[in-house]
PDB file of N, CA and C in Angstrom:
ATOM      1  N   MET A   1     105.493  94.413 102.968  1.00  0.00           N
ATOM      2  CA  MET A   1     106.102  95.034 104.118  1.00  0.00           C
ATOM      3  C   MET A   1     106.867  93.963 104.909  1.00  0.00           C
ATOM      4  N   ALA A   2     108.087  94.297 105.285  1.00  0.00           N
ATOM      5  CA  ALA A   2     108.928  93.358 106.035  1.00  0.00           C
ATOM      6  C   ALA A   2     108.457  93.247 107.477  1.00  0.00           C
ATOM      7  N   LYS A   3     108.607  92.055 107.987  1.00  0.00           N
ATOM      8  CA  LYS A   3     108.242  91.825 109.386  1.00  0.00           C
ATOM      9  C   LYS A   3     109.298  92.461 110.295  1.00  0.00           C
ATOM     10  N   VAL A   4     108.857  93.147 111.319  1.00  0.00           N
ATOM     11  CA  VAL A   4     109.766  93.746 112.280  1.00  0.00           C
ATOM     12  C   VAL A   4     110.167  92.673 113.294  1.00  0.00           C
ATOM     13  N   GLU A   5     111.458  92.523 113.472  1.00  0.00           N
ATOM     14  CA  GLU A   5     111.976  91.517 114.412  1.00  0.00           C
ATOM     15  C   GLU A   5     111.801  92.025 115.835  1.00  0.00           C
ATOM     16  N   ASP A   6     111.135  91.232 116.667  1.00  0.00           N
ATOM     17  CA  ASP A   6     110.906  91.669 118.042  1.00  0.00           C
ATOM     18  C   ASP A   6     111.613  90.791 119.073  1.00  0.00           C
ATOM     19  N   ARG A   7     112.429  89.856 118.605  1.00  0.00           N
ATOM     20  CA  ARG A   7     113.198  89.037 119.543  1.00  0.00           C
ATOM     21  C   ARG A   7     114.336  89.876 120.122  1.00  0.00           C
ATOM     22  N   PRO A   8     114.746  89.578 121.343  1.00  0.00           N
ATOM     23  CA  PRO A   8     115.864  90.329 121.920  1.00  0.00           C
ATOM     24  C   PRO A   8     117.166  90.035 121.184  1.00  0.00           C
ATOM     25  N   VAL A   9     118.030  91.033 121.138  1.00  0.00           N
ATOM     26  CA  VAL A   9     119.339  90.877 120.513  1.00  0.00           C
ATOM     27  C   VAL A   9     120.226  90.002 121.399  1.00  0.00           C
ATOM     28  N   ASP A  10     120.044  90.116 122.705  1.00  0.00           N
ATOM     29  CA  ASP A  10     120.822  89.335 123.675  1.00  0.00           C
ATOM     30  C   ASP A  10     119.848  88.759 124.695  1.00  0.00           C
ATOM     31  N   ALA A  11     119.412  87.538 124.454  1.00  0.00           N
ATOM     32  CA  ALA A  11     118.404  86.912 125.321  1.00  0.00           C
ATOM     33  C   ALA A  11     118.916  86.723 126.744  1.00  0.00           C
ATOM     34  N   GLY A  12     120.209  86.488 126.902  1.00  0.00           N
ATOM     35  CA  GLY A  12     120.774  86.338 128.242  1.00  0.00           C
ATOM     36  C   GLY A  12     120.614  87.602 129.058  1.00  0.00           C
ATOM     37  N   LEU A  13     120.908  88.726 128.446  1.00  0.00           N
ATOM     38  CA  LEU A  13     120.763  90.010 129.133  1.00  0.00           C
ATOM     39  C   LEU A  13     119.300  90.296 129.434  1.00  0.00           C
ATOM     40  N   THR A  14     118.432  89.956 128.523  1.00  0.00           N
ATOM     41  CA  THR A  14     117.000  90.146 128.739  1.00  0.00           C
ATOM     42  C   THR A  14     116.528  89.371 129.959  1.00  0.00           C
ATOM     43  N   SER A  15     117.135  88.232 130.215  1.00  0.00           N
ATOM     44  CA  SER A  15     116.703  87.390 131.337  1.00  0.00           C
ATOM     45  C   SER A  15     117.004  87.994 132.702  1.00  0.00           C
ATOM     46  N   VAL A  16     117.894  88.983 132.782  1.00  0.00           N
ATOM     47  CA  VAL A  16     118.223  89.561 134.094  1.00  0.00           C
ATOM     48  C   VAL A  16     117.449  90.838 134.402  1.00  0.00           C
ATOM     49  N   LYS A  17     116.707  91.337 133.432  1.00  0.00           N
ATOM     50  CA  LYS A  17     115.903  92.534 133.705  1.00  0.00           C
ATOM     51  C   LYS A  17     114.964  92.249 134.867  1.00  0.00           C
ATOM     52  N   GLY A  18     114.919  93.168 135.812  1.00  0.00           N
ATOM     53  CA  GLY A  18     114.017  93.024 136.945  1.00  0.00           C
ATOM     54  C   GLY A  18     114.574  92.207 138.095  1.00  0.00           C
ATOM     55  N   LYS A  19     115.735  91.584 137.916  1.00  0.00           N
ATOM     56  CA  LYS A  19     116.339  90.820 139.017  1.00  0.00           C
ATOM     57  C   LYS A  19     117.053  91.780 139.965  1.00  0.00           C
ATOM     58  N   SER A  20     117.399  91.273 141.140  1.00  0.00           N
ATOM     59  CA  SER A  20     118.082  92.104 142.137  1.00  0.00           C
ATOM     60  C   SER A  20     119.472  92.486 141.633  1.00  0.00           C
ATOM     61  N   ASP A  21     120.017  93.559 142.208  1.00  0.00           N
ATOM     62  CA  ASP A  21     121.359  93.986 141.827  1.00  0.00           C
ATOM     63  C   ASP A  21     122.381  92.879 142.059  1.00  0.00           C
ATOM     64  N   ALA A  22     122.247  92.147 143.157  1.00  0.00           N
ATOM     65  CA  ALA A  22     123.186  91.055 143.457  1.00  0.00           C
ATOM     66  C   ALA A  22     123.114  89.966 142.388  1.00  0.00           C
ATOM     67  N   GLU A  23     121.911  89.635 141.949  1.00  0.00           N
ATOM     68  CA  GLU A  23     121.749  88.618 140.899  1.00  0.00           C
ATOM     69  C   GLU A  23     122.328  89.103 139.578  1.00  0.00           C
ATOM     70  N   VAL A  24     122.105  90.378 139.278  1.00  0.00           N
ATOM     71  CA  VAL A  24     122.633  90.957 138.041  1.00  0.00           C
ATOM     72  C   VAL A  24     124.162  90.970 138.083  1.00  0.00           C
ATOM     73  N   LEU A  25     124.721  91.345 139.223  1.00  0.00           N
ATOM     74  CA  LEU A  25     126.176  91.374 139.377  1.00  0.00           C
ATOM     75  C   LEU A  25     126.774  89.986 139.127  1.00  0.00           C
ATOM     76  N   GLU A  26     126.190  88.971 139.706  1.00  0.00           N
ATOM     77  CA  GLU A  26     126.686  87.604 139.502  1.00  0.00           C
ATOM     78  C   GLU A  26     126.560  87.184 138.047  1.00  0.00           C
ATOM     79  N   TRP A  27     125.458  87.574 137.408  1.00  0.00           N
ATOM     80  CA  TRP A  27     125.270  87.241 136.000  1.00  0.00           C
ATOM     81  C   TRP A  27     126.371  87.891 135.155  1.00  0.00           C
ATOM     82  N   TRP A  28     126.666  89.177 135.427  1.00  0.00           N
ATOM     83  CA  TRP A  28     127.715  89.863 134.668  1.00  0.00           C
ATOM     84  C   TRP A  28     129.078  89.217 134.898  1.00  0.00           C
ATOM     85  N   LYS A  29     129.355  88.802 136.121  1.00  0.00           N
ATOM     86  CA  LYS A  29     130.639  88.138 136.385  1.00  0.00           C
ATOM     87  C   LYS A  29     130.772  86.876 135.536  1.00  0.00           C
ATOM     88  N   GLN A  30     129.704  86.102 135.466  1.00  0.00           N
ATOM     89  CA  GLN A  30     129.717  84.891 134.641  1.00  0.00           C
ATOM     90  C   GLN A  30     129.865  85.245 133.166  1.00  0.00           C
ATOM     91  N   ARG A  31     129.150  86.272 132.731  1.00  0.00           N
ATOM     92  CA  ARG A  31     129.219  86.695 131.326  1.00  0.00           C
ATOM     93  C   ARG A  31     130.638  87.131 130.970  1.00  0.00           C
ATOM     94  N   PHE A  32     131.269  87.921 131.836  1.00  0.00           N
ATOM     95  CA  PHE A  32     132.633  88.371 131.552  1.00  0.00           C
ATOM     96  C   PHE A  32     133.620  87.205 131.524  1.00  0.00           C
ATOM     97  N   ALA A  33     133.437  86.232 132.392  1.00  0.00           N
ATOM     98  CA  ALA A  33     134.315  85.053 132.373  1.00  0.00           C
ATOM     99  C   ALA A  33     134.187  84.331 131.031  1.00  0.00           C
ATOM    100  N   LEU A  34     132.964  84.211 130.541  1.00  0.00           N
ATOM    101  CA  LEU A  34     132.748  83.573 129.239  1.00  0.00           C
ATOM    102  C   LEU A  34     133.359  84.402 128.115  1.00  0.00           C
ATOM    103  N   LEU A  35     133.156  85.720 128.163  1.00  0.00           N
ATOM    104  CA  LEU A  35     133.703  86.597 127.127  1.00  0.00           C
ATOM    105  C   LEU A  35     135.225  86.535 127.099  1.00  0.00           C
ATOM    106  N   ALA A  36     135.837  86.595 128.265  1.00  0.00           N
ATOM    107  CA  ALA A  36     137.301  86.579 128.333  1.00  0.00           C
ATOM    108  C   ALA A  36     137.875  85.262 127.821  1.00  0.00           C
ATOM    109  N   ALA A  37     137.102  84.206 127.891  1.00  0.00           N
ATOM    110  CA  ALA A  37     137.571  82.892 127.435  1.00  0.00           C
ATOM    111  C   ALA A  37     137.491  82.719 125.918  1.00  0.00           C
ATOM    112  N   ILE A  38     136.815  83.624 125.231  1.00  0.00           N
ATOM    113  CA  ILE A  38     136.741  83.550 123.765  1.00  0.00           C
ATOM    114  C   ILE A  38     138.153  83.763 123.223  1.00  0.00           C
ATOM    115  N   PRO A  39     138.600  82.939 122.270  1.00  0.00           N
ATOM    116  CA  PRO A  39     140.017  82.916 121.898  1.00  0.00           C
ATOM    117  C   PRO A  39     140.578  84.122 121.140  1.00  0.00           C
ATOM    118  N   THR A  40     139.765  84.899 120.441  1.00  0.00           N
ATOM    119  CA  THR A  40     140.331  86.019 119.679  1.00  0.00           C
ATOM    120  C   THR A  40     139.627  87.325 120.021  1.00  0.00           C
ATOM    121  N   ASP A  41     140.362  88.431 119.837  1.00  0.00           N
ATOM    122  CA  ASP A  41     139.795  89.755 120.106  1.00  0.00           C
ATOM    123  C   ASP A  41     138.590  90.042 119.216  1.00  0.00           C
ATOM    124  N   VAL A  42     138.692  89.666 117.944  1.00  0.00           N
ATOM    125  CA  VAL A  42     137.598  89.929 117.004  1.00  0.00           C
ATOM    126  C   VAL A  42     136.332  89.186 117.427  1.00  0.00           C
ATOM    127  N   ALA A  43     136.478  87.940 117.810  1.00  0.00           N
ATOM    128  CA  ALA A  43     135.312  87.162 118.253  1.00  0.00           C
ATOM    129  C   ALA A  43     134.744  87.731 119.552  1.00  0.00           C
ATOM    130  N   ARG A  44     135.628  88.163 120.449  1.00  0.00           N
ATOM    131  CA  ARG A  44     135.144  88.785 121.696  1.00  0.00           C
ATOM    132  C   ARG A  44     134.397  90.073 121.391  1.00  0.00           C
ATOM    133  N   ALA A  45     134.913  90.864 120.449  1.00  0.00           N
ATOM    134  CA  ALA A  45     134.227  92.104 120.069  1.00  0.00           C
ATOM    135  C   ALA A  45     132.838  91.782 119.521  1.00  0.00           C
ATOM    136  N   GLY A  46     132.756  90.743 118.716  1.00  0.00           N
ATOM    137  CA  GLY A  46     131.461  90.323 118.180  1.00  0.00           C
ATOM    138  C   GLY A  46     130.498  89.880 119.258  1.00  0.00           C
ATOM    139  N   ALA A  47     131.016  89.379 120.355  1.00  0.00           N
ATOM    140  CA  ALA A  47     130.162  88.964 121.473  1.00  0.00           C
ATOM    141  C   ALA A  47     129.759  90.148 122.352  1.00  0.00           C
ATOM    142  N   LEU A  48     130.558  91.202 122.353  1.00  0.00           N
ATOM    143  CA  LEU A  48     130.232  92.384 123.158  1.00  0.00           C
ATOM    144  C   LEU A  48     129.101  93.213 122.545  1.00  0.00           C
ATOM    145  N   LEU A  49     129.069  93.285 121.234  1.00  0.00           N
ATOM    146  CA  LEU A  49     128.098  94.167 120.569  1.00  0.00           C
ATOM    147  C   LEU A  49     126.635  93.848 120.867  1.00  0.00           C
ATOM    148  N   PRO A  50     126.202  92.589 120.858  1.00  0.00           N
ATOM    149  CA  PRO A  50     124.783  92.334 121.148  1.00  0.00           C
ATOM    150  C   PRO A  50     124.353  92.817 122.535  1.00  0.00           C
ATOM    151  N   GLN A  51     125.228  92.681 123.531  1.00  0.00           N
ATOM    152  CA  GLN A  51     124.826  93.153 124.855  1.00  0.00           C
ATOM    153  C   GLN A  51     124.728  94.675 124.879  1.00  0.00           C
ATOM    154  N   MET A  52     125.598  95.365 124.149  1.00  0.00           N
ATOM    155  CA  MET A  52     125.490  96.824 124.073  1.00  0.00           C
ATOM    156  C   MET A  52     124.205  97.228 123.359  1.00  0.00           C
ATOM    157  N   ARG A  53     123.874  96.497 122.297  1.00  0.00           N
ATOM    158  CA  ARG A  53     122.637  96.807 121.567  1.00  0.00           C
ATOM    159  C   ARG A  53     121.413  96.583 122.451  1.00  0.00           C
ATOM    160  N   GLU A  54     121.413  95.486 123.191  1.00  0.00           N
ATOM    161  CA  GLU A  54     120.281  95.190 124.077  1.00  0.00           C
ATOM    162  C   GLU A  54     120.165  96.257 125.161  1.00  0.00           C
ATOM    163  N   LEU A  55     121.279  96.642 125.755  1.00  0.00           N
ATOM    164  CA  LEU A  55     121.253  97.693 126.781  1.00  0.00           C
ATOM    165  C   LEU A  55     120.725  99.005 126.212  1.00  0.00           C
ATOM    166  N   SER A  56     121.095  99.316 124.980  1.00  0.00           N
ATOM    167  CA  SER A  56     120.679 100.589 124.378  1.00  0.00           C
ATOM    168  C   SER A  56     119.174 100.661 124.145  1.00  0.00           C
ATOM    169  N   GLN A  57     118.500  99.515 124.127  1.00  0.00           N
ATOM    170  CA  GLN A  57     117.058  99.492 123.887  1.00  0.00           C
ATOM    171  C   GLN A  57     116.237  99.555 125.173  1.00  0.00           C
ATOM    172  N   LEU A  58     116.904  99.508 126.311  1.00  0.00           N
ATOM    173  CA  LEU A  58     116.199  99.512 127.591  1.00  0.00           C
ATOM    174  C   LEU A  58     115.834 100.926 128.019  1.00  0.00           C
ATOM    175  N   PRO A  59     114.817 101.055 128.873  1.00  0.00           N
ATOM    176  CA  PRO A  59     114.533 102.369 129.460  1.00  0.00           C
ATOM    177  C   PRO A  59     115.765 102.849 130.238  1.00  0.00           C
ATOM    178  N   GLU A  60     115.983 104.137 130.247  1.00  0.00           N
ATOM    179  CA  GLU A  60     117.191 104.722 130.847  1.00  0.00           C
ATOM    180  C   GLU A  60     117.493 104.232 132.272  1.00  0.00           C
ATOM    181  N   PRO A  61     116.525 104.216 133.187  1.00  0.00           N
ATOM    182  CA  PRO A  61     116.859 103.767 134.553  1.00  0.00           C
ATOM    183  C   PRO A  61     117.362 102.319 134.599  1.00  0.00           C
ATOM    184  N   GLU A  62     116.746 101.439 133.827  1.00  0.00           N
ATOM    185  CA  GLU A  62     117.174 100.034 133.811  1.00  0.00           C
ATOM    186  C   GLU A  62     118.529  99.900 133.119  1.00  0.00           C
ATOM    187  N   ARG A  63     118.729 100.663 132.068  1.00  0.00           N
ATOM    188  CA  ARG A  63     120.033 100.629 131.383  1.00  0.00           C
ATOM    189  C   ARG A  63     121.145 101.063 132.335  1.00  0.00           C
ATOM    190  N   ARG A  64     120.903 102.117 133.078  1.00  0.00           N
ATOM    191  CA  ARG A  64     121.908 102.604 134.029  1.00  0.00           C
ATOM    192  C   ARG A  64     122.162 101.565 135.129  1.00  0.00           C
ATOM    193  N   ARG A  65     121.116 100.962 135.633  1.00  0.00           N
ATOM    194  CA  ARG A  65     121.262  99.970 136.707  1.00  0.00           C
ATOM    195  C   ARG A  65     122.072  98.766 136.224  1.00  0.00           C
ATOM    196  N   LEU A  66     121.727  98.241 135.062  1.00  0.00           N
ATOM    197  CA  LEU A  66     122.445  97.081 134.530  1.00  0.00           C
ATOM    198  C   LEU A  66     123.891  97.436 134.171  1.00  0.00           C
ATOM    199  N   THR A  67     124.094  98.642 133.665  1.00  0.00           N
ATOM    200  CA  THR A  67     125.451  99.073 133.331  1.00  0.00           C
ATOM    201  C   THR A  67     126.285  99.255 134.593  1.00  0.00           C
ATOM    202  N   ARG A  68     125.683  99.795 135.644  1.00  0.00           N
ATOM    203  CA  ARG A  68     126.400  99.952 136.918  1.00  0.00           C
ATOM    204  C   ARG A  68     126.882  98.587 137.431  1.00  0.00           C
ATOM    205  N   GLU A  69     126.009  97.600 137.388  1.00  0.00           N
ATOM    206  CA  GLU A  69     126.395  96.263 137.849  1.00  0.00           C
ATOM    207  C   GLU A  69     127.428  95.643 136.909  1.00  0.00           C
ATOM    208  N   ARG A  70     127.331  95.944 135.636  1.00  0.00           N
ATOM    209  CA  ARG A  70     128.333  95.465 134.668  1.00  0.00           C
ATOM    210  C   ARG A  70     129.702  96.046 135.008  1.00  0.00           C
ATOM    211  N   MET A  71     129.729  97.323 135.364  1.00  0.00           N
ATOM    212  CA  MET A  71     130.990  97.964 135.729  1.00  0.00           C
ATOM    213  C   MET A  71     131.579  97.331 136.991  1.00  0.00           C
ATOM    214  N   LYS A  72     130.736  97.065 137.969  1.00  0.00           N
ATOM    215  CA  LYS A  72     131.206  96.421 139.206  1.00  0.00           C
ATOM    216  C   LYS A  72     131.779  95.037 138.899  1.00  0.00           C
ATOM    217  N   ALA A  73     131.100  94.302 138.048  1.00  0.00           N
ATOM    218  CA  ALA A  73     131.580  92.962 137.687  1.00  0.00           C
ATOM    219  C   ALA A  73     132.918  93.055 136.959  1.00  0.00           C
ATOM    220  N   PHE A  74     133.044  94.011 136.058  1.00  0.00           N
ATOM    221  CA  PHE A  74     134.292  94.177 135.319  1.00  0.00           C
ATOM    222  C   PHE A  74     135.441  94.489 136.272  1.00  0.00           C
ATOM    223  N   MET A  75     135.179  95.344 137.258  1.00  0.00           N
ATOM    224  CA  MET A  75     136.225  95.711 138.216  1.00  0.00           C
ATOM    225  C   MET A  75     136.681  94.519 139.053  1.00  0.00           C
ATOM    226  N   SER A  76     135.852  93.506 139.165  1.00  0.00           N
ATOM    227  CA  SER A  76     136.203  92.339 139.986  1.00  0.00           C
ATOM    228  C   SER A  76     137.046  91.309 139.225  1.00  0.00           C
ATOM    229  N   LEU A  77     137.237  91.509 137.931  1.00  0.00           N
ATOM    230  CA  LEU A  77     137.984  90.549 137.114  1.00  0.00           C
ATOM    231  C   LEU A  77     139.483  90.639 137.362  1.00  0.00           C
ATOM    232  N   GLY A  78     140.168  89.612 136.964  1.00  0.00           N
ATOM    233  CA  GLY A  78     141.625  89.619 137.012  1.00  0.00           C
ATOM    234  C   GLY A  78     142.205  90.442 135.874  1.00  0.00           C
ATOM    235  N   SER A  79     143.468  90.776 136.000  1.00  0.00           N
ATOM    236  CA  SER A  79     144.117  91.661 135.036  1.00  0.00           C
ATOM    237  C   SER A  79     144.135  91.102 133.612  1.00  0.00           C
ATOM    238  N   GLU A  80     144.353  89.814 133.450  1.00  0.00           N
ATOM    239  CA  GLU A  80     144.359  89.231 132.101  1.00  0.00           C
ATOM    240  C   GLU A  80     142.975  89.341 131.463  1.00  0.00           C
ATOM    241  N   GLN A  81     141.937  89.096 132.247  1.00  0.00           N
ATOM    242  CA  GLN A  81     140.571  89.221 131.726  1.00  0.00           C
ATOM    243  C   GLN A  81     140.274  90.671 131.355  1.00  0.00           C
ATOM    244  N   HIS A  82     140.733  91.626 132.176  1.00  0.00           N
ATOM    245  CA  HIS A  82     140.542  93.045 131.838  1.00  0.00           C
ATOM    246  C   HIS A  82     141.136  93.345 130.473  1.00  0.00           C
ATOM    247  N   GLN A  83     142.385  92.936 130.285  1.00  0.00           N
ATOM    248  CA  GLN A  83     143.084  93.248 129.046  1.00  0.00           C
ATOM    249  C   GLN A  83     142.399  92.626 127.832  1.00  0.00           C
ATOM    250  N   ARG A  84     141.931  91.404 127.967  1.00  0.00           N
ATOM    251  CA  ARG A  84     141.258  90.727 126.845  1.00  0.00           C
ATOM    252  C   ARG A  84     139.968  91.459 126.475  1.00  0.00           C
ATOM    253  N   ILE A  85     139.205  91.842 127.477  1.00  0.00           N
ATOM    254  CA  ILE A  85     137.926  92.504 127.209  1.00  0.00           C
ATOM    255  C   ILE A  85     138.150  93.925 126.704  1.00  0.00           C
ATOM    256  N   LEU A  86     139.119  94.647 127.274  1.00  0.00           N
ATOM    257  CA  LEU A  86     139.407  96.002 126.796  1.00  0.00           C
ATOM    258  C   LEU A  86     139.907  95.988 125.351  1.00  0.00           C
ATOM    259  N   ALA A  87     140.739  95.018 125.006  1.00  0.00           N
ATOM    260  CA  ALA A  87     141.227  94.913 123.622  1.00  0.00           C
ATOM    261  C   ALA A  87     140.067  94.670 122.662  1.00  0.00           C
ATOM    262  N   ALA A  88     139.145  93.820 123.054  1.00  0.00           N
ATOM    263  CA  ALA A  88     137.978  93.544 122.209  1.00  0.00           C
ATOM    264  C   ALA A  88     137.075  94.767 122.117  1.00  0.00           C
ATOM    265  N   ARG A  89     136.908  95.460 123.235  1.00  0.00           N
ATOM    266  CA  ARG A  89     136.035  96.638 123.239  1.00  0.00           C
ATOM    267  C   ARG A  89     136.548  97.707 122.275  1.00  0.00           C
ATOM    268  N   LYS A  90     137.861  97.865 122.185  1.00  0.00           N
ATOM    269  CA  LYS A  90     138.424  98.837 121.242  1.00  0.00           C
ATOM    270  C   LYS A  90     138.000  98.518 119.812  1.00  0.00           C
ATOM    271  N   LEU A  91     137.891  97.245 119.501  1.00  0.00           N
ATOM    272  CA  LEU A  91     137.497  96.840 118.147  1.00  0.00           C
ATOM    273  C   LEU A  91     136.023  97.111 117.858  1.00  0.00           C
ATOM    274  N   THR A  92     135.203  97.223 118.890  1.00  0.00           N
ATOM    275  CA  THR A  92     133.772  97.433 118.659  1.00  0.00           C
ATOM    276  C   THR A  92     133.483  98.789 118.024  1.00  0.00           C
ATOM    277  N   TYR A  93     134.397  99.757 118.196  1.00  0.00           N
ATOM    278  CA  TYR A  93     134.189 101.075 117.590  1.00  0.00           C
ATOM    279  C   TYR A  93     134.087 100.972 116.070  1.00  0.00           C
ATOM    280  N   ALA A  94     134.855 100.082 115.476  1.00  0.00           N
ATOM    281  CA  ALA A  94     134.830  99.925 114.021  1.00  0.00           C
ATOM    282  C   ALA A  94     133.503  99.355 113.538  1.00  0.00           C
ATOM    283  N   ALA A  95     132.853  98.561 114.366  1.00  0.00           N
ATOM    284  CA  ALA A  95     131.595  97.923 113.969  1.00  0.00           C
ATOM    285  C   ALA A  95     130.391  98.841 114.148  1.00  0.00           C
ATOM    286  N   ASP A  96     130.355  99.602 115.247  1.00  0.00           N
ATOM    287  CA  ASP A  96     129.202 100.470 115.520  1.00  0.00           C
ATOM    288  C   ASP A  96     129.622 101.575 116.483  1.00  0.00           C
ATOM    289  N   GLU A  97     130.299 102.568 115.933  1.00  0.00           N
ATOM    290  CA  GLU A  97     130.861 103.640 116.754  1.00  0.00           C
ATOM    291  C   GLU A  97     129.802 104.382 117.566  1.00  0.00           C
ATOM    292  N   ALA A  98     128.667 104.681 116.969  1.00  0.00           N
ATOM    293  CA  ALA A  98     127.616 105.417 117.687  1.00  0.00           C
ATOM    294  C   ALA A  98     127.108 104.626 118.894  1.00  0.00           C
ATOM    295  N   LEU A  99     126.925 103.338 118.717  1.00  0.00           N
ATOM    296  CA  LEU A  99     126.462 102.487 119.816  1.00  0.00           C
ATOM    297  C   LEU A  99     127.476 102.471 120.958  1.00  0.00           C
ATOM    298  N   VAL A 100     128.745 102.296 120.624  1.00  0.00           N
ATOM    299  CA  VAL A 100     129.776 102.210 121.660  1.00  0.00           C
ATOM    300  C   VAL A 100     129.930 103.553 122.368  1.00  0.00           C
ATOM    301  N   LYS A 101     129.845 104.648 121.624  1.00  0.00           N
ATOM    302  CA  LYS A 101     129.921 105.969 122.261  1.00  0.00           C
ATOM    303  C   LYS A 101     128.741 106.195 123.198  1.00  0.00           C
ATOM    304  N   SER A 102     127.583 105.711 122.823  1.00  0.00           N
ATOM    305  CA  SER A 102     126.408 105.802 123.692  1.00  0.00           C
ATOM    306  C   SER A 102     126.635 105.009 124.976  1.00  0.00           C
ATOM    307  N   ASP A 103     127.201 103.819 124.841  1.00  0.00           N
ATOM    308  CA  ASP A 103     127.517 102.991 126.007  1.00  0.00           C
ATOM    309  C   ASP A 103     128.577 103.672 126.872  1.00  0.00           C
ATOM    310  N   ASP A 104     129.584 104.255 126.225  1.00  0.00           N
ATOM    311  CA  ASP A 104     130.628 104.975 126.961  1.00  0.00           C
ATOM    312  C   ASP A 104     130.044 106.139 127.754  1.00  0.00           C
ATOM    313  N   ALA A 105     129.093 106.852 127.157  1.00  0.00           N
ATOM    314  CA  ALA A 105     128.493 108.006 127.836  1.00  0.00           C
ATOM    315  C   ALA A 105     127.785 107.582 129.118  1.00  0.00           C
ATOM    316  N   ILE A 106     127.053 106.478 129.057  1.00  0.00           N
ATOM    317  CA  ILE A 106     126.373 105.964 130.256  1.00  0.00           C
ATOM    318  C   ILE A 106     127.414 105.546 131.294  1.00  0.00           C
ATOM    319  N   ALA A 107     128.418 104.806 130.865  1.00  0.00           N
ATOM    320  CA  ALA A 107     129.452 104.330 131.794  1.00  0.00           C
ATOM    321  C   ALA A 107     130.216 105.497 132.413  1.00  0.00           C
ATOM    322  N   ASP A 108     130.527 106.511 131.610  1.00  0.00           N
ATOM    323  CA  ASP A 108     131.247 107.674 132.137  1.00  0.00           C
ATOM    324  C   ASP A 108     130.426 108.413 133.183  1.00  0.00           C
ATOM    325  N   SER A 109     129.137 108.572 132.922  1.00  0.00           N
ATOM    326  CA  SER A 109     128.297 109.276 133.900  1.00  0.00           C
ATOM    327  C   SER A 109     128.175 108.464 135.186  1.00  0.00           C
ATOM    328  N   LEU A 110     128.085 107.148 135.071  1.00  0.00           N
ATOM    329  CA  LEU A 110     128.024 106.294 136.263  1.00  0.00           C
ATOM    330  C   LEU A 110     129.353 106.294 137.015  1.00  0.00           C
ATOM    331  N   ALA A 111     130.454 106.324 136.291  1.00  0.00           N
ATOM    332  CA  ALA A 111     131.774 106.305 136.931  1.00  0.00           C
ATOM    333  C   ALA A 111     131.959 107.520 137.831  1.00  0.00           C
ATOM    334  N   ARG A 112     131.384 108.644 137.448  1.00  0.00           N
ATOM    335  CA  ARG A 112     131.485 109.849 138.283  1.00  0.00           C
ATOM    336  C   ARG A 112     130.748 109.678 139.608  1.00  0.00           C
ATOM    337  N   GLU A 113     129.770 108.772 139.635  1.00  0.00           N
ATOM    338  CA  GLU A 113     128.987 108.522 140.846  1.00  0.00           C
ATOM    339  C   GLU A 113     129.558 107.373 141.680  1.00  0.00           C
ATOM    340  N   MET A 114     130.547 106.676 141.144  1.00  0.00           N
ATOM    341  CA  MET A 114     131.089 105.478 141.803  1.00  0.00           C
ATOM    342  C   MET A 114     132.570 105.686 142.123  1.00  0.00           C
ATOM    343  N   PRO A 115     132.904 106.002 143.372  1.00  0.00           N
ATOM    344  CA  PRO A 115     134.318 106.219 143.718  1.00  0.00           C
ATOM    345  C   PRO A 115     135.209 105.033 143.341  1.00  0.00           C
ATOM    346  N   GLU A 116     134.698 103.811 143.503  1.00  0.00           N
ATOM    347  CA  GLU A 116     135.510 102.642 143.165  1.00  0.00           C
ATOM    348  C   GLU A 116     135.812 102.588 141.672  1.00  0.00           C
ATOM    349  N   ALA A 117     134.908 103.091 140.852  1.00  0.00           N
ATOM    350  CA  ALA A 117     135.139 103.109 139.403  1.00  0.00           C
ATOM    351  C   ALA A 117     136.195 104.149 139.047  1.00  0.00           C
ATOM    352  N   GLN A 118     136.178 105.268 139.736  1.00  0.00           N
ATOM    353  CA  GLN A 118     137.181 106.304 139.474  1.00  0.00           C
ATOM    354  C   GLN A 118     138.577 105.787 139.797  1.00  0.00           C
ATOM    355  N   GLU A 119     138.711 105.135 140.940  1.00  0.00           N
ATOM    356  CA  GLU A 119     140.005 104.576 141.346  1.00  0.00           C
ATOM    357  C   GLU A 119     140.440 103.478 140.379  1.00  0.00           C
ATOM    358  N   PHE A 120     139.506 102.651 139.967  1.00  0.00           N
ATOM    359  CA  PHE A 120     139.800 101.570 139.034  1.00  0.00           C
ATOM    360  C   PHE A 120     140.276 102.145 137.703  1.00  0.00           C
ATOM    361  N   GLY A 121     139.611 103.189 137.219  1.00  0.00           N
ATOM    362  CA  GLY A 121     140.009 103.833 135.971  1.00  0.00           C
ATOM    363  C   GLY A 121     141.425 104.374 136.034  1.00  0.00           C
ATOM    364  N   LYS A 122     141.786 104.926 137.166  1.00  0.00           N
ATOM    365  CA  LYS A 122     143.150 105.442 137.334  1.00  0.00           C
ATOM    366  C   LYS A 122     144.167 104.303 137.251  1.00  0.00           C
ATOM    367  N   ARG A 123     143.852 103.177 137.873  1.00  0.00           N
ATOM    368  CA  ARG A 123     144.769 102.030 137.838  1.00  0.00           C
ATOM    369  C   ARG A 123     144.961 101.517 136.419  1.00  0.00           C
ATOM    370  N   LEU A 124     143.891 101.553 135.627  1.00  0.00           N
ATOM    371  CA  LEU A 124     143.979 101.064 134.243  1.00  0.00           C
ATOM    372  C   LEU A 124     144.526 102.121 133.290  1.00  0.00           C
ATOM    373  N   GLY A 125     144.650 103.344 133.777  1.00  0.00           N
ATOM    374  CA  GLY A 125     145.113 104.428 132.925  1.00  0.00           C
ATOM    375  C   GLY A 125     144.038 104.957 132.007  1.00  0.00           C
ATOM    376  N   LEU A 126     142.776 104.851 132.439  1.00  0.00           N
ATOM    377  CA  LEU A 126     141.658 105.336 131.621  1.00  0.00           C
ATOM    378  C   LEU A 126     141.325 106.769 131.959  1.00  0.00           C
TER     379      LEU A 126
END
């Protein structure tokens, strides 16, 4: 029988569970800055998937809370960083469409509760 892997898929994300919203927001801002600095879309997409996988394994309330702060952090980025991350995110569908759709569903439901997210989506044409 094969051993079941119990290590987190994204140890960085695991480290923010239980922290305050402000701490989580700052962590996401740093994470997005690092992601945007990755030189290619494919490599950025590869870096996005583990955090989506880790979020998908969390209890629903914690997943929603961390995703909400992730959305706030994303909205605070500059336009070039937005474009780099959005381009990479489009590529993640090819790697794990079900996972990305699950992440989209959470983000869409949160966006309906966040007026700033609705306005931001309009600016980006989403």
